[in-house]
N, C-alpha and C. Protein backbone atom coordinates (compact mmCIF):
# COMPACT_ATOMS: atom_id res chain seq x y z
N GLN A 1 117.96 43.99 159.88
CA GLN A 1 117.22 44.54 161.02
C GLN A 1 116.19 45.54 160.51
N VAL A 2 115.07 45.56 161.20
CA VAL A 2 113.97 46.45 160.83
C VAL A 2 113.81 47.49 161.93
N GLN A 3 113.68 48.74 161.52
CA GLN A 3 113.40 49.82 162.46
C GLN A 3 111.96 50.28 162.27
N LEU A 4 111.30 50.52 163.39
CA LEU A 4 109.90 50.93 163.38
C LEU A 4 109.76 52.20 164.21
N VAL A 5 109.13 53.21 163.64
CA VAL A 5 108.91 54.48 164.34
C VAL A 5 107.42 54.78 164.35
N GLU A 6 106.88 54.89 165.56
CA GLU A 6 105.44 55.12 165.71
C GLU A 6 105.15 56.60 165.98
N SER A 7 103.93 56.98 165.68
CA SER A 7 103.46 58.31 166.02
C SER A 7 101.94 58.28 166.13
N GLY A 8 101.38 59.29 166.79
CA GLY A 8 99.95 59.45 166.79
C GLY A 8 99.22 59.17 168.08
N GLY A 9 99.91 58.74 169.12
CA GLY A 9 99.22 58.50 170.37
C GLY A 9 98.81 59.80 171.04
N GLY A 10 98.14 59.68 172.18
CA GLY A 10 97.75 60.87 172.91
C GLY A 10 96.58 60.62 173.83
N LEU A 11 95.98 61.71 174.26
CA LEU A 11 94.85 61.68 175.18
C LEU A 11 93.58 62.04 174.43
N VAL A 12 92.55 61.24 174.62
CA VAL A 12 91.28 61.49 173.93
C VAL A 12 90.14 61.12 174.88
N GLN A 13 89.02 61.76 174.71
CA GLN A 13 87.84 61.42 175.51
C GLN A 13 87.15 60.17 174.97
N ALA A 14 86.44 59.51 175.83
CA ALA A 14 85.68 58.34 175.41
C ALA A 14 84.76 58.70 174.25
N GLY A 15 84.73 57.81 173.27
CA GLY A 15 83.95 58.05 172.07
C GLY A 15 84.73 58.71 170.95
N GLY A 16 85.92 59.17 171.27
CA GLY A 16 86.74 59.86 170.29
C GLY A 16 87.55 58.91 169.42
N SER A 17 88.40 59.50 168.59
CA SER A 17 89.19 58.73 167.62
C SER A 17 90.65 59.18 167.66
N LEU A 18 91.50 58.25 167.29
CA LEU A 18 92.93 58.52 167.10
C LEU A 18 93.41 57.67 165.95
N ARG A 19 94.46 58.15 165.30
CA ARG A 19 95.11 57.33 164.27
C ARG A 19 96.58 57.21 164.60
N LEU A 20 97.04 55.98 164.65
CA LEU A 20 98.45 55.69 164.87
C LEU A 20 99.12 55.38 163.54
N SER A 21 100.36 55.78 163.43
CA SER A 21 101.15 55.49 162.24
C SER A 21 102.45 54.82 162.65
N CYS A 22 102.97 53.98 161.76
CA CYS A 22 104.23 53.28 162.03
C CYS A 22 104.98 53.17 160.72
N ALA A 23 106.14 53.79 160.68
CA ALA A 23 106.98 53.74 159.48
C ALA A 23 108.10 52.74 159.67
N ALA A 24 108.25 51.86 158.70
CA ALA A 24 109.29 50.83 158.75
C ALA A 24 110.44 51.19 157.83
N SER A 25 111.64 50.84 158.27
CA SER A 25 112.83 51.04 157.43
C SER A 25 113.82 49.91 157.73
N GLY A 26 114.85 49.84 156.91
CA GLY A 26 115.85 48.79 157.10
C GLY A 26 115.53 47.59 156.22
N SER A 27 115.63 46.40 156.79
CA SER A 27 115.45 45.16 156.03
C SER A 27 113.98 44.81 155.88
N ILE A 28 113.25 45.67 155.21
CA ILE A 28 111.80 45.51 155.13
C ILE A 28 111.39 44.32 154.27
N SER A 29 112.30 43.83 153.44
CA SER A 29 111.96 42.66 152.63
C SER A 29 111.73 41.42 153.48
N ARG A 30 112.18 41.44 154.72
CA ARG A 30 111.98 40.31 155.63
C ARG A 30 110.57 40.27 156.20
N ILE A 31 109.86 41.38 156.12
CA ILE A 31 108.57 41.50 156.79
C ILE A 31 107.48 40.79 156.00
N ASN A 32 106.71 39.92 156.68
CA ASN A 32 105.55 39.35 155.99
C ASN A 32 104.24 39.76 156.64
N ALA A 33 104.32 40.51 157.73
CA ALA A 33 103.12 41.07 158.34
C ALA A 33 103.53 42.20 159.27
N MET A 34 102.61 43.13 159.45
CA MET A 34 102.81 44.20 160.43
C MET A 34 101.56 44.29 161.28
N GLY A 35 101.76 44.74 162.51
CA GLY A 35 100.62 44.79 163.40
C GLY A 35 100.81 45.75 164.55
N TRP A 36 99.75 45.88 165.28
CA TRP A 36 99.73 46.70 166.49
C TRP A 36 99.38 45.81 167.68
N HIS A 37 100.20 45.91 168.70
CA HIS A 37 99.95 45.25 169.97
C HIS A 37 99.75 46.34 171.01
N ARG A 38 99.15 45.97 172.14
CA ARG A 38 99.03 46.94 173.22
C ARG A 38 99.23 46.26 174.56
N GLN A 39 99.67 47.07 175.50
CA GLN A 39 99.87 46.56 176.85
C GLN A 39 99.36 47.59 177.85
N ALA A 40 98.36 47.19 178.59
CA ALA A 40 97.82 48.03 179.65
C ALA A 40 98.52 47.70 180.96
N PRO A 41 98.51 48.62 181.91
CA PRO A 41 99.17 48.36 183.20
C PRO A 41 98.65 47.08 183.85
N GLY A 42 99.58 46.22 184.25
CA GLY A 42 99.21 44.99 184.93
C GLY A 42 98.66 43.90 184.04
N LYS A 43 98.70 44.12 182.72
CA LYS A 43 98.16 43.12 181.79
C LYS A 43 99.23 42.68 180.81
N GLN A 44 98.99 41.54 180.20
CA GLN A 44 99.92 41.05 179.19
C GLN A 44 99.73 41.82 177.89
N ARG A 45 100.80 41.86 177.12
CA ARG A 45 100.71 42.47 175.80
C ARG A 45 99.82 41.62 174.92
N GLU A 46 98.97 42.26 174.15
CA GLU A 46 98.04 41.53 173.28
C GLU A 46 98.07 42.10 171.87
N LEU A 47 97.82 41.22 170.92
CA LEU A 47 97.72 41.64 169.53
C LEU A 47 96.38 42.31 169.32
N VAL A 48 96.40 43.50 168.78
CA VAL A 48 95.18 44.26 168.51
C VAL A 48 94.73 44.06 167.07
N ALA A 49 95.66 44.22 166.14
CA ALA A 49 95.32 44.10 164.72
C ALA A 49 96.58 43.83 163.94
N ALA A 50 96.44 43.11 162.84
CA ALA A 50 97.58 42.80 161.99
C ALA A 50 97.15 42.78 160.54
N VAL A 51 98.11 43.06 159.67
CA VAL A 51 97.87 42.99 158.23
C VAL A 51 99.07 42.31 157.58
N THR A 52 98.78 41.34 156.72
CA THR A 52 99.85 40.61 156.06
C THR A 52 100.33 41.37 154.82
N SER A 53 101.42 40.91 154.26
CA SER A 53 101.93 41.53 153.04
C SER A 53 100.95 41.37 151.89
N GLY A 54 100.09 40.37 152.00
CA GLY A 54 99.07 40.18 150.97
C GLY A 54 97.80 40.97 151.21
N GLY A 55 97.74 41.67 152.36
CA GLY A 55 96.59 42.51 152.63
C GLY A 55 95.54 41.91 153.54
N SER A 56 95.72 40.69 153.98
CA SER A 56 94.76 40.08 154.90
C SER A 56 94.89 40.71 156.27
N THR A 57 93.75 40.89 156.92
CA THR A 57 93.75 41.52 158.24
C THR A 57 93.10 40.63 159.29
N ASN A 58 93.48 40.83 160.52
CA ASN A 58 92.77 40.19 161.62
C ASN A 58 92.79 41.13 162.82
N TYR A 59 91.77 40.99 163.66
CA TYR A 59 91.57 41.89 164.78
C TYR A 59 91.24 41.13 166.05
N ALA A 60 91.61 41.71 167.16
CA ALA A 60 91.14 41.19 168.44
C ALA A 60 89.64 41.42 168.52
N ASP A 61 88.94 40.51 169.17
CA ASP A 61 87.49 40.64 169.27
C ASP A 61 87.08 41.96 169.92
N SER A 62 87.88 42.43 170.83
CA SER A 62 87.53 43.64 171.59
C SER A 62 87.55 44.91 170.75
N VAL A 63 88.18 44.85 169.58
CA VAL A 63 88.28 46.07 168.75
C VAL A 63 87.59 45.93 167.40
N LYS A 64 87.05 44.76 167.11
CA LYS A 64 86.38 44.57 165.82
C LYS A 64 85.25 45.56 165.66
N GLY A 65 85.19 46.17 164.48
CA GLY A 65 84.16 47.15 164.21
C GLY A 65 84.50 48.55 164.66
N ARG A 66 85.57 48.68 165.44
CA ARG A 66 85.97 50.01 165.91
C ARG A 66 87.34 50.43 165.37
N PHE A 67 88.23 49.47 165.23
CA PHE A 67 89.60 49.75 164.76
C PHE A 67 89.76 49.23 163.34
N THR A 68 90.57 49.94 162.56
CA THR A 68 90.89 49.51 161.21
C THR A 68 92.39 49.64 160.98
N ILE A 69 92.99 48.55 160.55
CA ILE A 69 94.41 48.57 160.21
C ILE A 69 94.55 48.65 158.70
N SER A 70 95.52 49.43 158.26
CA SER A 70 95.77 49.56 156.83
C SER A 70 97.26 49.78 156.63
N ARG A 71 97.69 49.63 155.40
CA ARG A 71 99.11 49.82 155.12
C ARG A 71 99.31 50.50 153.78
N SER A 72 100.40 51.23 153.70
CA SER A 72 100.83 51.83 152.44
C SER A 72 102.16 51.18 152.08
N ASN A 73 102.13 50.33 151.09
CA ASN A 73 103.38 49.66 150.69
C ASN A 73 104.38 50.67 150.13
N ALA A 74 103.85 51.69 149.46
CA ALA A 74 104.74 52.69 148.87
C ALA A 74 105.51 53.45 149.95
N LYS A 75 104.86 53.66 151.11
CA LYS A 75 105.48 54.42 152.19
C LYS A 75 106.04 53.51 153.28
N ASN A 76 105.88 52.20 153.12
CA ASN A 76 106.32 51.25 154.17
C ASN A 76 105.76 51.65 155.52
N THR A 77 104.49 51.99 155.50
CA THR A 77 103.84 52.51 156.71
C THR A 77 102.55 51.73 156.97
N VAL A 78 102.29 51.50 158.24
CA VAL A 78 101.03 50.87 158.64
C VAL A 78 100.30 51.83 159.57
N TYR A 79 98.98 51.83 159.46
CA TYR A 79 98.15 52.74 160.23
C TYR A 79 97.15 51.95 161.07
N LEU A 80 96.77 52.56 162.17
CA LEU A 80 95.68 52.00 162.96
C LEU A 80 94.70 53.12 163.26
N GLN A 81 93.56 53.07 162.61
CA GLN A 81 92.49 54.03 162.87
C GLN A 81 91.63 53.48 164.00
N MET A 82 91.53 54.24 165.07
CA MET A 82 90.80 53.79 166.26
C MET A 82 89.61 54.72 166.48
N ASN A 83 88.43 54.18 166.39
CA ASN A 83 87.20 54.94 166.60
C ASN A 83 86.45 54.41 167.82
N SER A 84 85.53 55.21 168.29
CA SER A 84 84.70 54.81 169.44
C SER A 84 85.56 54.31 170.59
N LEU A 85 86.59 55.05 170.89
CA LEU A 85 87.51 54.63 171.94
C LEU A 85 86.83 54.66 173.31
N ASN A 86 87.22 53.73 174.15
CA ASN A 86 86.71 53.70 175.52
C ASN A 86 87.89 53.53 176.48
N PRO A 87 87.68 53.79 177.76
CA PRO A 87 88.80 53.74 178.72
C PRO A 87 89.55 52.42 178.73
N GLU A 88 88.88 51.33 178.36
CA GLU A 88 89.54 50.03 178.33
C GLU A 88 90.59 49.94 177.22
N ASP A 89 90.58 50.89 176.30
CA ASP A 89 91.59 50.91 175.24
C ASP A 89 92.88 51.60 175.68
N THR A 90 92.87 52.17 176.86
CA THR A 90 94.06 52.83 177.38
C THR A 90 95.21 51.84 177.53
N ALA A 91 96.33 52.15 176.90
CA ALA A 91 97.48 51.24 176.91
C ALA A 91 98.63 51.89 176.16
N VAL A 92 99.78 51.25 176.25
CA VAL A 92 100.88 51.60 175.35
C VAL A 92 100.71 50.72 174.12
N TYR A 93 100.69 51.36 172.98
CA TYR A 93 100.51 50.65 171.71
C TYR A 93 101.86 50.51 171.02
N TYR A 94 102.16 49.29 170.62
CA TYR A 94 103.43 48.99 169.98
C TYR A 94 103.21 48.52 168.55
N CYS A 95 103.93 49.12 167.65
CA CYS A 95 103.98 48.61 166.29
C CYS A 95 104.97 47.46 166.24
N ALA A 96 104.66 46.45 165.45
CA ALA A 96 105.55 45.30 165.34
C ALA A 96 105.55 44.78 163.91
N ALA A 97 106.67 44.20 163.54
CA ALA A 97 106.82 43.59 162.23
C ALA A 97 107.18 42.12 162.40
N LYS A 98 106.49 41.31 161.63
CA LYS A 98 106.65 39.86 161.73
C LYS A 98 107.51 39.35 160.59
N GLU A 99 108.42 38.45 160.90
CA GLU A 99 109.25 37.83 159.87
C GLU A 99 108.91 36.36 159.75
N LEU A 100 109.00 35.86 158.54
CA LEU A 100 108.73 34.46 158.28
C LEU A 100 109.62 33.58 159.15
N TYR A 101 109.04 32.63 159.85
CA TYR A 101 109.73 31.65 160.72
C TYR A 101 110.26 32.26 162.01
N ARG A 102 110.21 33.60 162.15
CA ARG A 102 110.76 34.22 163.35
C ARG A 102 109.72 34.89 164.22
N GLY A 103 108.56 35.16 163.64
CA GLY A 103 107.51 35.76 164.45
C GLY A 103 107.67 37.26 164.61
N TRP A 104 107.03 37.79 165.66
CA TRP A 104 107.05 39.23 165.94
C TRP A 104 108.37 39.57 166.64
N VAL A 105 109.38 39.85 165.86
CA VAL A 105 110.71 40.10 166.43
C VAL A 105 111.16 41.54 166.33
N ASN A 106 110.40 42.35 165.63
CA ASN A 106 110.76 43.76 165.47
C ASN A 106 109.69 44.63 166.13
N TRP A 107 110.15 45.54 166.99
CA TRP A 107 109.20 46.33 167.78
C TRP A 107 109.56 47.80 167.75
N GLY A 108 108.52 48.64 167.75
CA GLY A 108 108.72 50.05 167.92
C GLY A 108 108.87 50.39 169.39
N GLN A 109 109.03 51.67 169.66
CA GLN A 109 109.27 52.12 171.02
C GLN A 109 107.99 52.21 171.84
N GLY A 110 106.86 52.20 171.19
CA GLY A 110 105.58 52.30 171.88
C GLY A 110 105.08 53.73 171.94
N THR A 111 103.77 53.87 171.90
CA THR A 111 103.15 55.18 172.01
C THR A 111 101.94 55.05 172.95
N GLN A 112 101.82 56.00 173.85
CA GLN A 112 100.76 55.94 174.86
C GLN A 112 99.45 56.43 174.28
N VAL A 113 98.41 55.65 174.52
CA VAL A 113 97.03 56.06 174.21
C VAL A 113 96.26 56.05 175.52
N THR A 114 95.69 57.20 175.84
CA THR A 114 94.91 57.33 177.07
C THR A 114 93.52 57.82 176.72
N VAL A 115 92.52 57.07 177.17
CA VAL A 115 91.12 57.42 176.90
C VAL A 115 90.47 57.77 178.23
N SER A 116 90.01 58.99 178.33
CA SER A 116 89.37 59.44 179.57
C SER A 116 87.86 59.25 179.50
N SER A 117 87.27 58.96 180.64
CA SER A 117 85.82 58.73 180.67
C SER A 117 85.05 60.02 180.89
């Protein structure tokens, strides 16, 4: 089992920045990718950004050029740097870890990001 602990959410004005962190522990050898998903009120959860164990990244079109995902293998931590935030980015952000053949089965508790206009 993998445990994920997130930090870094909060309230920011439009145009501002936040950095989210997610520390993984437990059966981390099972993880082949980590990512950030978000869920806004009344909307489905969506993948925002992901990074594989090999370092490949992918982003939702809505955040390309504004968000950057990175990871520290030494610290078993993944980060999401969010710049140029706008109110549409307001959501609960969840860290997730993907396992081979099982998909996104490990989830953090979520952290609220609120962007005011």
